[in-house]
Amino acid sequence: MRSDYDEDFMDTYSLSSSILDYQYENGRRYASFRSTHHIYLMLMGGELFNAPIKNPQKVLDLGTGTGNWAIDFADQYPGAVVVGNDLSPIQPAWVPPNVDFFVDDYESDWLEKMNAYDFIHSRNLAGCVVDWHRLIRQAYDHLKPGGYLELQESAVWAWSDDGTLKMDSPLMEYLMSLNDAAHMIGRELNIYIDLKPWLIAHGFEDVHEQTYILPFSPWPQDARLREIGRVQAAMVEKAVEAYGLRLCTQVLGWSQEQTKLMQNLVRQQLKDRSLHSYTKIKVAYGRKPLI
């Protein structure tokens, strides 16, 4: 099971997988998982999901990574069986008794019986999924009638509302380069805008979507967003060196020195409090029809 665009997957499966597998280098994957989970909780007001599920009996967390979401869900719903799968067996040994982790690739045929789950969740799988339509079809088939699929994805892009972020700035040049590199290996990083249309196209009902603003630094005046920006800035400071290293060097053909120079420029730019930059996270969910 493959993990997300900023917490990628093992390099033993394919060339494209290895190129995106930056979080295994220098032990950075674990910290990034925890930080990302914390940021999502802060953005979503402490909630793990938006779907209006009630009394779930069986839940699947696709690309569970270190299992933070699955463990928290299991604690919140002790009567539910929570299954988390990933290509990498990096989950903790001590987990709630109602959690089960297993190594599997969600892009292969699912072995679970049809109509098995009340709720299926995924987060930050952009850049890891080759065929999103096949994945959503499999999720649809394996949900019970009335069950929900929720997709949580971040943009690999940046914005500012006051013109402080320029298109020729290091941050935007770097993000454009990462997206170009991903396209070259047949992957799409910015699928966040497609979540709701995909759910509708595959027959889900009661489809809803919410957009969250994620500041890159503690520049907002709003106290809550300022604290979220502080946490995001700390994570980006540690992650920017690792994120995209293989895309830049192995796909774009940049040297190590060129890549690190660009990443240092990005890091320095994001420390500038006069830069009011942010990215977006979208959370979309839909219900499988009862009939």
C-alpha atoms as a PDB file:
ATOM      1  CA  MET A   1       0.000   0.000   0.000  1.00  0.00           C
ATOM      2  CA  ARG A   2       1.435   3.286  -0.991  1.00  0.00           C
ATOM      3  CA  SER A   3       1.521   6.393   1.085  1.00  0.00           C
ATOM      4  CA  ASP A   4       1.088  10.075   0.194  1.00  0.00           C
ATOM      5  CA  TYR A   5       2.898  12.674  -1.858  1.00  0.00           C
ATOM      6  CA  ASP A   6       4.880  13.940   1.098  1.00  0.00           C
ATOM      7  CA  GLU A   7       5.323  10.573   2.783  1.00  0.00           C
ATOM      8  CA  ASP A   8       6.102   8.262  -0.065  1.00  0.00           C
ATOM      9  CA  PHE A   9       6.529   4.622  -0.672  1.00  0.00           C
ATOM     10  CA  MET A  10       9.214   1.970  -0.722  1.00  0.00           C
ATOM     11  CA  ASP A  11      11.761   1.973  -3.540  1.00  0.00           C
ATOM     12  CA  THR A  12      11.615  -1.788  -4.041  1.00  0.00           C
ATOM     13  CA  TYR A  13       8.464  -1.774  -6.152  1.00  0.00           C
ATOM     14  CA  SER A  14       9.156   0.294  -9.261  1.00  0.00           C
ATOM     15  CA  LEU A  15      11.357   3.035 -10.652  1.00  0.00           C
ATOM     16  CA  SER A  16       8.634   5.636 -10.274  1.00  0.00           C
ATOM     17  CA  SER A  17       8.022   4.523  -6.715  1.00  0.00           C
ATOM     18  CA  SER A  18      11.683   4.855  -5.810  1.00  0.00           C
ATOM     19  CA  ILE A  19      11.872   8.344  -7.253  1.00  0.00           C
ATOM     20  CA  LEU A  20       9.092   9.528  -4.954  1.00  0.00           C
ATOM     21  CA  ASP A  21      10.372   7.663  -1.898  1.00  0.00           C
ATOM     22  CA  TYR A  22      12.060  10.584  -0.166  1.00  0.00           C
ATOM     23  CA  GLN A  23      10.687  10.072   3.311  1.00  0.00           C
ATOM     24  CA  TYR A  24      12.626   6.856   3.849  1.00  0.00           C
ATOM     25  CA  GLU A  25      15.886   8.735   3.467  1.00  0.00           C
ATOM     26  CA  ASN A  26      17.551   9.767   6.724  1.00  0.00           C
ATOM     27  CA  GLY A  27      14.607   8.514   8.773  1.00  0.00           C
ATOM     28  CA  ARG A  28      12.338  11.420   7.899  1.00  0.00           C
ATOM     29  CA  ARG A  29       9.190   9.485   7.083  1.00  0.00           C
ATOM     30  CA  TYR A  30       7.976   8.948  10.632  1.00  0.00           C
ATOM     31  CA  ALA A  31       8.156  12.562  11.780  1.00  0.00           C
ATOM     32  CA  SER A  32       6.415  13.742   8.629  1.00  0.00           C
ATOM     33  CA  PHE A  33       3.513  11.344   9.147  1.00  0.00           C
ATOM     34  CA  ARG A  34       2.968  12.578  12.687  1.00  0.00           C
ATOM     35  CA  SER A  35       3.227  16.245  11.732  1.00  0.00           C
ATOM     36  CA  THR A  36       0.839  15.887   8.811  1.00  0.00           C
ATOM     37  CA  HIS A  37      -1.716  14.080  10.961  1.00  0.00           C
ATOM     38  CA  HIS A  38      -1.505  16.823  13.579  1.00  0.00           C
ATOM     39  CA  ILE A  39      -1.996  19.540  10.964  1.00  0.00           C
ATOM     40  CA  TYR A  40      -5.089  17.829   9.557  1.00  0.00           C
ATOM     41  CA  LEU A  41      -6.559  17.562  13.047  1.00  0.00           C
ATOM     42  CA  MET A  42      -5.921  21.259  13.646  1.00  0.00           C
ATOM     43  CA  LEU A  43      -7.481  22.269  10.328  1.00  0.00           C
ATOM     44  CA  MET A  44     -10.519  20.026  10.818  1.00  0.00           C
ATOM     45  CA  GLY A  45     -11.224  21.181  14.355  1.00  0.00           C
ATOM     46  CA  GLY A  46      -9.965  17.978  15.933  1.00  0.00           C
ATOM     47  CA  GLU A  47     -12.131  15.760  13.729  1.00  0.00           C
ATOM     48  CA  LEU A  48     -10.727  12.751  11.888  1.00  0.00           C
ATOM     49  CA  PHE A  49     -13.295  12.936   9.083  1.00  0.00           C
ATOM     50  CA  ASN A  50     -16.242  14.932   7.772  1.00  0.00           C
ATOM     51  CA  ALA A  51     -18.535  12.152   6.555  1.00  0.00           C
ATOM     52  CA  PRO A  52     -21.700  11.738   8.666  1.00  0.00           C
ATOM     53  CA  ILE A  53     -21.044   8.123   9.582  1.00  0.00           C
ATOM     54  CA  LYS A  54     -22.950   6.485  12.413  1.00  0.00           C
ATOM     55  CA  ASN A  55     -21.977   3.393  14.384  1.00  0.00           C
ATOM     56  CA  PRO A  56     -19.340   2.080  11.917  1.00  0.00           C
ATOM     57  CA  GLN A  57     -18.602  -1.620  12.236  1.00  0.00           C
ATOM     58  CA  LYS A  58     -15.721  -2.019   9.779  1.00  0.00           C
ATOM     59  CA  VAL A  59     -13.437   0.743   8.507  1.00  0.00           C
ATOM     60  CA  LEU A  60     -10.547   0.777   6.010  1.00  0.00           C
ATOM     61  CA  ASP A  61      -7.679   3.289   6.029  1.00  0.00           C
ATOM     62  CA  LEU A  62      -5.938   3.215   2.648  1.00  0.00           C
ATOM     63  CA  GLY A  63      -2.199   3.910   2.700  1.00  0.00           C
ATOM     64  CA  THR A  64      -2.210   4.034   6.481  1.00  0.00           C
ATOM     65  CA  GLY A  65       1.516   4.770   6.842  1.00  0.00           C
ATOM     66  CA  THR A  66       2.405   4.772  10.524  1.00  0.00           C
ATOM     67  CA  GLY A  67      -1.260   4.276  11.342  1.00  0.00           C
ATOM     68  CA  ASN A  68      -1.934   7.531  13.178  1.00  0.00           C
ATOM     69  CA  TRP A  69      -5.375   8.054  11.676  1.00  0.00           C
ATOM     70  CA  ALA A  70      -6.408   4.415  12.094  1.00  0.00           C
ATOM     71  CA  ILE A  71      -5.274   4.320  15.724  1.00  0.00           C
ATOM     72  CA  ASP A  72      -7.101   7.529  16.586  1.00  0.00           C
ATOM     73  CA  PHE A  73     -10.235   6.277  14.843  1.00  0.00           C
ATOM     74  CA  ALA A  74     -10.066   2.975  16.721  1.00  0.00           C
ATOM     75  CA  ASP A  75      -9.764   4.821  20.024  1.00  0.00           C
ATOM     76  CA  GLN A  76     -12.761   6.969  19.140  1.00  0.00           C
ATOM     77  CA  TYR A  77     -14.854   3.996  17.979  1.00  0.00           C
ATOM     78  CA  PRO A  78     -13.859   1.007  20.143  1.00  0.00           C
ATOM     79  CA  GLY A  79     -16.733  -1.034  18.731  1.00  0.00           C
ATOM     80  CA  ALA A  80     -15.432  -0.793  15.168  1.00  0.00           C
ATOM     81  CA  VAL A  81     -12.859  -3.002  13.464  1.00  0.00           C
ATOM     82  CA  VAL A  82     -10.323  -0.684  11.822  1.00  0.00           C
ATOM     83  CA  VAL A  83      -8.111  -2.034   9.044  1.00  0.00           C
ATOM     84  CA  GLY A  84      -5.088  -0.126   7.788  1.00  0.00           C
ATOM     85  CA  ASN A  85      -3.033  -1.223   4.810  1.00  0.00           C
ATOM     86  CA  ASP A  86       0.218   0.019   3.324  1.00  0.00           C
ATOM     87  CA  LEU A  87       3.125  -1.335   1.321  1.00  0.00           C
ATOM     88  CA  SER A  88       5.375  -0.609   4.288  1.00  0.00           C
ATOM     89  CA  PRO A  89       5.163  -2.435   7.642  1.00  0.00           C
ATOM     90  CA  ILE A  90       6.053   0.646   9.683  1.00  0.00           C
ATOM     91  CA  GLN A  91       3.091   0.730  12.041  1.00  0.00           C
ATOM     92  CA  PRO A  92       3.691   0.529  15.808  1.00  0.00           C
ATOM     93  CA  ALA A  93       3.531  -2.831  17.572  1.00  0.00           C
ATOM     94  CA  TRP A  94       1.286  -1.602  20.381  1.00  0.00           C
ATOM     95  CA  VAL A  95      -2.080  -0.549  18.994  1.00  0.00           C
ATOM     96  CA  PRO A  96      -5.711  -0.668  20.146  1.00  0.00           C
ATOM     97  CA  PRO A  97      -7.139  -4.195  20.041  1.00  0.00           C
ATOM     98  CA  ASN A  98      -9.632  -3.230  17.335  1.00  0.00           C
ATOM     99  CA  VAL A  99      -6.921  -2.202  14.834  1.00  0.00           C
ATOM    100  CA  ASP A 100      -5.417  -4.565  12.280  1.00  0.00           C
ATOM    101  CA  PHE A 101      -2.567  -3.529   9.974  1.00  0.00           C
ATOM    102  CA  PHE A 102      -1.449  -5.525   6.966  1.00  0.00           C
ATOM    103  CA  VAL A 103       0.910  -5.096   4.041  1.00  0.00           C
ATOM    104  CA  ASP A 104      -0.933  -4.758   0.760  1.00  0.00           C
ATOM    105  CA  ASP A 105      -1.119  -2.661  -2.398  1.00  0.00           C
ATOM    106  CA  TYR A 106      -4.489  -0.984  -2.869  1.00  0.00           C
ATOM    107  CA  GLU A 107      -3.768  -0.665  -6.593  1.00  0.00           C
ATOM    108  CA  SER A 108      -3.958  -4.452  -6.891  1.00  0.00           C
ATOM    109  CA  ASP A 109      -7.228  -6.363  -6.698  1.00  0.00           C
ATOM    110  CA  TRP A 110      -8.653  -6.104  -3.205  1.00  0.00           C
ATOM    111  CA  LEU A 111      -8.958  -9.460  -1.461  1.00  0.00           C
ATOM    112  CA  GLU A 112     -11.729  -8.421   0.920  1.00  0.00           C
ATOM    113  CA  LYS A 113     -15.267  -9.431  -0.023  1.00  0.00           C
ATOM    114  CA  MET A 114     -17.596  -6.925  -1.650  1.00  0.00           C
ATOM    115  CA  ASN A 115     -19.821  -4.718   0.517  1.00  0.00           C
ATOM    116  CA  ALA A 116     -17.515  -5.179   3.504  1.00  0.00           C
ATOM    117  CA  TYR A 117     -16.871  -1.669   4.865  1.00  0.00           C
ATOM    118  CA  ASP A 118     -18.989   1.044   6.419  1.00  0.00           C
ATOM    119  CA  PHE A 119     -16.325   3.691   5.854  1.00  0.00           C
ATOM    120  CA  ILE A 120     -13.194   3.929   3.682  1.00  0.00           C
ATOM    121  CA  HIS A 121     -10.713   6.749   4.235  1.00  0.00           C
ATOM    122  CA  SER A 122      -7.622   7.931   2.388  1.00  0.00           C
ATOM    123  CA  ARG A 123      -5.304  10.878   2.887  1.00  0.00           C
ATOM    124  CA  ASN A 124      -2.543  12.379   0.750  1.00  0.00           C
ATOM    125  CA  LEU A 125      -2.232   9.638  -1.841  1.00  0.00           C
ATOM    126  CA  ALA A 126      -1.621  12.103  -4.676  1.00  0.00           C
ATOM    127  CA  GLY A 127       1.438  11.134  -6.667  1.00  0.00           C
ATOM    128  CA  CYS A 128       1.174   7.519  -5.555  1.00  0.00           C
ATOM    129  CA  VAL A 129      -1.919   6.300  -7.368  1.00  0.00           C
ATOM    130  CA  VAL A 130      -1.600   5.392 -11.035  1.00  0.00           C
ATOM    131  CA  ASP A 131      -5.316   4.878 -11.717  1.00  0.00           C
ATOM    132  CA  TRP A 132      -7.577   6.860  -9.411  1.00  0.00           C
ATOM    133  CA  HIS A 133     -10.719   5.739 -11.213  1.00  0.00           C
ATOM    134  CA  ARG A 134      -9.915   2.083 -10.585  1.00  0.00           C
ATOM    135  CA  LEU A 135      -9.182   2.831  -6.942  1.00  0.00           C
ATOM    136  CA  ILE A 136     -12.487   4.645  -6.451  1.00  0.00           C
ATOM    137  CA  ARG A 137     -14.374   1.845  -8.238  1.00  0.00           C
ATOM    138  CA  GLN A 138     -12.845  -0.724  -5.915  1.00  0.00           C
ATOM    139  CA  ALA A 139     -13.710   1.404  -2.897  1.00  0.00           C
ATOM    140  CA  TYR A 140     -17.289   1.739  -4.149  1.00  0.00           C
ATOM    141  CA  ASP A 141     -17.617  -2.016  -4.664  1.00  0.00           C
ATOM    142  CA  HIS A 142     -16.247  -2.815  -1.204  1.00  0.00           C
ATOM    143  CA  LEU A 143     -18.440  -0.361   0.680  1.00  0.00           C
ATOM    144  CA  LYS A 144     -21.702  -1.537   2.147  1.00  0.00           C
ATOM    145  CA  PRO A 145     -24.769   0.174   0.683  1.00  0.00           C
ATOM    146  CA  GLY A 146     -25.030   3.444   2.578  1.00  0.00           C
ATOM    147  CA  GLY A 147     -21.305   3.419   3.396  1.00  0.00           C
ATOM    148  CA  TYR A 148     -19.051   6.427   2.855  1.00  0.00           C
ATOM    149  CA  LEU A 149     -15.777   7.055   1.041  1.00  0.00           C
ATOM    150  CA  GLU A 150     -13.779  10.102   2.161  1.00  0.00           C
ATOM    151  CA  LEU A 151     -10.740  11.450   0.308  1.00  0.00           C
ATOM    152  CA  GLN A 152      -8.442  14.013   1.947  1.00  0.00           C
ATOM    153  CA  GLU A 153      -5.838  15.622  -0.303  1.00  0.00           C
ATOM    154  CA  SER A 154      -3.500  18.600  -0.242  1.00  0.00           C
ATOM    155  CA  ALA A 155      -2.576  20.754  -3.200  1.00  0.00           C
ATOM    156  CA  VAL A 156       1.052  20.709  -4.255  1.00  0.00           C
ATOM    157  CA  TRP A 157       0.790  24.386  -5.042  1.00  0.00           C
ATOM    158  CA  ALA A 158       0.789  27.757  -3.300  1.00  0.00           C
ATOM    159  CA  TRP A 159      -1.228  30.962  -3.354  1.00  0.00           C
ATOM    160  CA  SER A 160      -1.331  34.412  -1.813  1.00  0.00           C
ATOM    161  CA  ASP A 161      -4.303  36.766  -1.818  1.00  0.00           C
ATOM    162  CA  ASP A 162      -2.293  39.972  -1.597  1.00  0.00           C
ATOM    163  CA  GLY A 163       0.266  39.450  -4.358  1.00  0.00           C
ATOM    164  CA  THR A 164       3.181  38.733  -2.022  1.00  0.00           C
ATOM    165  CA  LEU A 165       3.819  35.376  -3.722  1.00  0.00           C
ATOM    166  CA  LYS A 166       5.260  35.842  -7.217  1.00  0.00           C
ATOM    167  CA  MET A 167       5.199  33.205  -9.931  1.00  0.00           C
ATOM    168  CA  ASP A 168       8.946  33.633 -10.492  1.00  0.00           C
ATOM    169  CA  SER A 169       9.744  33.108  -6.800  1.00  0.00           C
ATOM    170  CA  PRO A 170      11.765  30.071  -5.624  1.00  0.00           C
ATOM    171  CA  LEU A 171       8.702  28.440  -4.052  1.00  0.00           C
ATOM    172  CA  MET A 172       6.611  28.596  -7.215  1.00  0.00           C
ATOM    173  CA  GLU A 173       9.492  27.563  -9.465  1.00  0.00           C
ATOM    174  CA  TYR A 174      10.124  24.572  -7.218  1.00  0.00           C
ATOM    175  CA  LEU A 175       6.462  23.545  -7.117  1.00  0.00           C
ATOM    176  CA  MET A 176       6.174  23.852 -10.889  1.00  0.00           C
ATOM    177  CA  SER A 177       9.278  21.689 -11.276  1.00  0.00           C
ATOM    178  CA  LEU A 178       7.885  19.006  -8.968  1.00  0.00           C
ATOM    179  CA  ASN A 179       4.615  18.890 -10.881  1.00  0.00           C
ATOM    180  CA  ASP A 180       6.467  18.697 -14.201  1.00  0.00           C
ATOM    181  CA  ALA A 181       8.614  15.840 -12.916  1.00  0.00           C
ATOM    182  CA  ALA A 182       5.600  13.926 -11.634  1.00  0.00           C
ATOM    183  CA  HIS A 183       3.893  14.269 -15.021  1.00  0.00           C
ATOM    184  CA  MET A 184       6.998  12.841 -16.675  1.00  0.00           C
ATOM    185  CA  ILE A 185       6.572   9.579 -14.733  1.00  0.00           C
ATOM    186  CA  GLY A 186       2.819   9.436 -15.225  1.00  0.00           C
ATOM    187  CA  ARG A 187       1.766  10.781 -11.847  1.00  0.00           C
ATOM    188  CA  GLU A 188      -0.449  13.720 -10.931  1.00  0.00           C
ATOM    189  CA  LEU A 189       0.193  15.655  -7.728  1.00  0.00           C
ATOM    190  CA  ASN A 190      -2.670  18.150  -7.840  1.00  0.00           C
ATOM    191  CA  ILE A 191      -5.663  15.841  -7.782  1.00  0.00           C
ATOM    192  CA  TYR A 192      -7.283  17.733  -4.927  1.00  0.00           C
ATOM    193  CA  ILE A 193      -9.549  19.584  -7.392  1.00  0.00           C
ATOM    194  CA  ASP A 194     -10.855  16.294  -8.834  1.00  0.00           C
ATOM    195  CA  LEU A 195     -12.120  14.628  -5.656  1.00  0.00           C
ATOM    196  CA  LYS A 196     -15.740  15.764  -5.742  1.00  0.00           C
ATOM    197  CA  PRO A 197     -16.194  15.279  -9.526  1.00  0.00           C
ATOM    198  CA  TRP A 198     -14.674  11.798  -9.284  1.00  0.00           C
ATOM    199  CA  LEU A 199     -17.017  10.747  -6.491  1.00  0.00           C
ATOM    200  CA  ILE A 200     -20.029  11.987  -8.432  1.00  0.00           C
ATOM    201  CA  ALA A 201     -18.854  10.312 -11.643  1.00  0.00           C
ATOM    202  CA  HIS A 202     -18.539   6.958  -9.887  1.00  0.00           C
ATOM    203  CA  GLY A 203     -22.073   6.961  -8.563  1.00  0.00           C
ATOM    204  CA  PHE A 204     -21.692   8.287  -5.038  1.00  0.00           C
ATOM    205  CA  GLU A 205     -24.566  10.290  -3.591  1.00  0.00           C
ATOM    206  CA  ASP A 206     -24.688  13.041  -0.962  1.00  0.00           C
ATOM    207  CA  VAL A 207     -21.273  14.226  -2.156  1.00  0.00           C
ATOM    208  CA  HIS A 208     -19.797  17.110  -0.187  1.00  0.00           C
ATOM    209  CA  GLU A 209     -16.467  18.900  -0.239  1.00  0.00           C
ATOM    210  CA  GLN A 210     -14.758  21.331   2.105  1.00  0.00           C
ATOM    211  CA  THR A 211     -11.664  23.415   1.422  1.00  0.00           C
ATOM    212  CA  TYR A 212      -9.183  24.319   4.151  1.00  0.00           C
ATOM    213  CA  ILE A 213      -6.517  27.016   3.988  1.00  0.00           C
ATOM    214  CA  LEU A 214      -3.091  25.917   5.250  1.00  0.00           C
ATOM    215  CA  PRO A 215      -0.625  28.794   5.803  1.00  0.00           C
ATOM    216  CA  PHE A 216       3.036  28.040   5.170  1.00  0.00           C
ATOM    217  CA  SER A 217       4.107  30.168   8.135  1.00  0.00           C
ATOM    218  CA  PRO A 218       2.536  31.960  11.146  1.00  0.00           C
ATOM    219  CA  TRP A 219       1.610  35.096   9.186  1.00  0.00           C
ATOM    220  CA  PRO A 220      -2.215  35.124   9.628  1.00  0.00           C
ATOM    221  CA  GLN A 221      -3.766  37.483  12.151  1.00  0.00           C
ATOM    222  CA  ASP A 222      -6.282  34.817  13.129  1.00  0.00           C
ATOM    223  CA  ALA A 223      -4.835  33.043  16.180  1.00  0.00           C
ATOM    224  CA  ARG A 224      -5.925  29.569  15.084  1.00  0.00           C
ATOM    225  CA  LEU A 225      -4.496  29.875  11.578  1.00  0.00           C
ATOM    226  CA  ARG A 226      -1.358  31.462  12.982  1.00  0.00           C
ATOM    227  CA  GLU A 227      -0.763  28.409  15.192  1.00  0.00           C
ATOM    228  CA  ILE A 228      -1.444  26.078  12.268  1.00  0.00           C
ATOM    229  CA  GLY A 229       1.051  28.082  10.213  1.00  0.00           C
ATOM    230  CA  ARG A 230       3.623  27.741  12.976  1.00  0.00           C
ATOM    231  CA  VAL A 231       3.307  23.942  12.938  1.00  0.00           C
ATOM    232  CA  GLN A 232       3.349  23.838   9.133  1.00  0.00           C
ATOM    233  CA  ALA A 233       6.472  26.024   9.015  1.00  0.00           C
ATOM    234  CA  ALA A 234       8.289  23.693  11.403  1.00  0.00           C
ATOM    235  CA  MET A 235       7.360  20.661   9.305  1.00  0.00           C
ATOM    236  CA  VAL A 236       8.312  22.291   6.000  1.00  0.00           C
ATOM    237  CA  GLU A 237      11.643  23.420   7.434  1.00  0.00           C
ATOM    238  CA  LYS A 238      12.540  19.778   8.069  1.00  0.00           C
ATOM    239  CA  ALA A 239      10.854  18.240   5.039  1.00  0.00           C
ATOM    240  CA  VAL A 240      11.773  20.546   2.168  1.00  0.00           C
ATOM    241  CA  GLU A 241      15.275  19.085   1.775  1.00  0.00           C
ATOM    242  CA  ALA A 242      13.944  15.565   1.419  1.00  0.00           C
ATOM    243  CA  TYR A 243      10.781  16.291  -0.520  1.00  0.00           C
ATOM    244  CA  GLY A 244      11.353  16.177  -4.236  1.00  0.00           C
ATOM    245  CA  LEU A 245      15.023  15.211  -4.102  1.00  0.00           C
ATOM    246  CA  ARG A 246      14.628  12.199  -6.350  1.00  0.00           C
ATOM    247  CA  LEU A 247      12.122  13.882  -8.640  1.00  0.00           C
ATOM    248  CA  CYS A 248      14.603  16.671  -9.266  1.00  0.00           C
ATOM    249  CA  THR A 249      17.737  14.564  -9.606  1.00  0.00           C
ATOM    250  CA  GLN A 250      16.462  11.392 -11.279  1.00  0.00           C
ATOM    251  CA  VAL A 251      13.635  12.777 -13.424  1.00  0.00           C
ATOM    252  CA  LEU A 252      14.594  16.382 -14.146  1.00  0.00           C
ATOM    253  CA  GLY A 253      18.313  15.629 -14.209  1.00  0.00           C
ATOM    254  CA  TRP A 254      19.308  18.291 -11.696  1.00  0.00           C
ATOM    255  CA  SER A 255      22.531  17.876  -9.792  1.00  0.00           C
ATOM    256  CA  GLN A 256      22.481  17.381  -6.033  1.00  0.00           C
ATOM    257  CA  GLU A 257      23.984  20.840  -5.637  1.00  0.00           C
ATOM    258  CA  GLN A 258      21.393  22.477  -7.896  1.00  0.00           C
ATOM    259  CA  THR A 259      18.568  20.750  -6.052  1.00  0.00           C
ATOM    260  CA  LYS A 260      19.830  21.705  -2.613  1.00  0.00           C
ATOM    261  CA  LEU A 261      20.370  25.300  -3.723  1.00  0.00           C
ATOM    262  CA  MET A 262      16.760  25.549  -4.908  1.00  0.00           C
ATOM    263  CA  GLN A 263      15.502  23.949  -1.703  1.00  0.00           C
ATOM    264  CA  ASN A 264      17.537  26.360   0.404  1.00  0.00           C
ATOM    265  CA  LEU A 265      16.054  29.289  -1.508  1.00  0.00           C
ATOM    266  CA  VAL A 266      12.567  27.903  -0.869  1.00  0.00           C
ATOM    267  CA  ARG A 267      13.327  27.460   2.806  1.00  0.00           C
ATOM    268  CA  GLN A 268      14.593  31.008   3.122  1.00  0.00           C
ATOM    269  CA  GLN A 269      11.607  32.430   1.257  1.00  0.00           C
ATOM    270  CA  LEU A 270       9.144  30.651   3.533  1.00  0.00           C
ATOM    271  CA  LYS A 271      10.799  32.217   6.582  1.00  0.00           C
ATOM    272  CA  ASP A 272       9.854  35.670   5.314  1.00  0.00           C
ATOM    273  CA  ARG A 273       6.829  36.786   7.362  1.00  0.00           C
ATOM    274  CA  SER A 274       5.929  39.353   4.705  1.00  0.00           C
ATOM    275  CA  LEU A 275       5.139  36.417   2.392  1.00  0.00           C
ATOM    276  CA  HIS A 276       1.484  35.540   2.966  1.00  0.00           C
ATOM    277  CA  SER A 277       1.498  32.187   1.200  1.00  0.00           C
ATOM    278  CA  TYR A 278      -0.723  29.199   1.766  1.00  0.00           C
ATOM    279  CA  THR A 279      -1.772  25.935   0.207  1.00  0.00           C
ATOM    280  CA  LYS A 280      -5.164  24.234   0.141  1.00  0.00           C
ATOM    281  CA  ILE A 281      -6.504  20.969   1.487  1.00  0.00           C
ATOM    282  CA  LYS A 282      -9.753  19.507   0.240  1.00  0.00           C
ATOM    283  CA  VAL A 283     -11.823  16.878   2.013  1.00  0.00           C
ATOM    284  CA  ALA A 284     -14.563  15.236  -0.049  1.00  0.00           C
ATOM    285  CA  TYR A 285     -16.912  12.424   0.842  1.00  0.00           C
ATOM    286  CA  GLY A 286     -19.775  10.554  -0.774  1.00  0.00           C
ATOM    287  CA  ARG A 287     -22.260   7.825   0.119  1.00  0.00           C
ATOM    288  CA  LYS A 288     -22.811   4.586  -1.761  1.00  0.00           C
ATOM    289  CA  PRO A 289     -26.518   4.349  -2.634  1.00  0.00           C
ATOM    290  CA  LEU A 290     -28.673   2.084  -0.495  1.00  0.00           C
ATOM    291  CA  ILE A 291     -30.051   0.392  -3.591  1.00  0.00           C
END
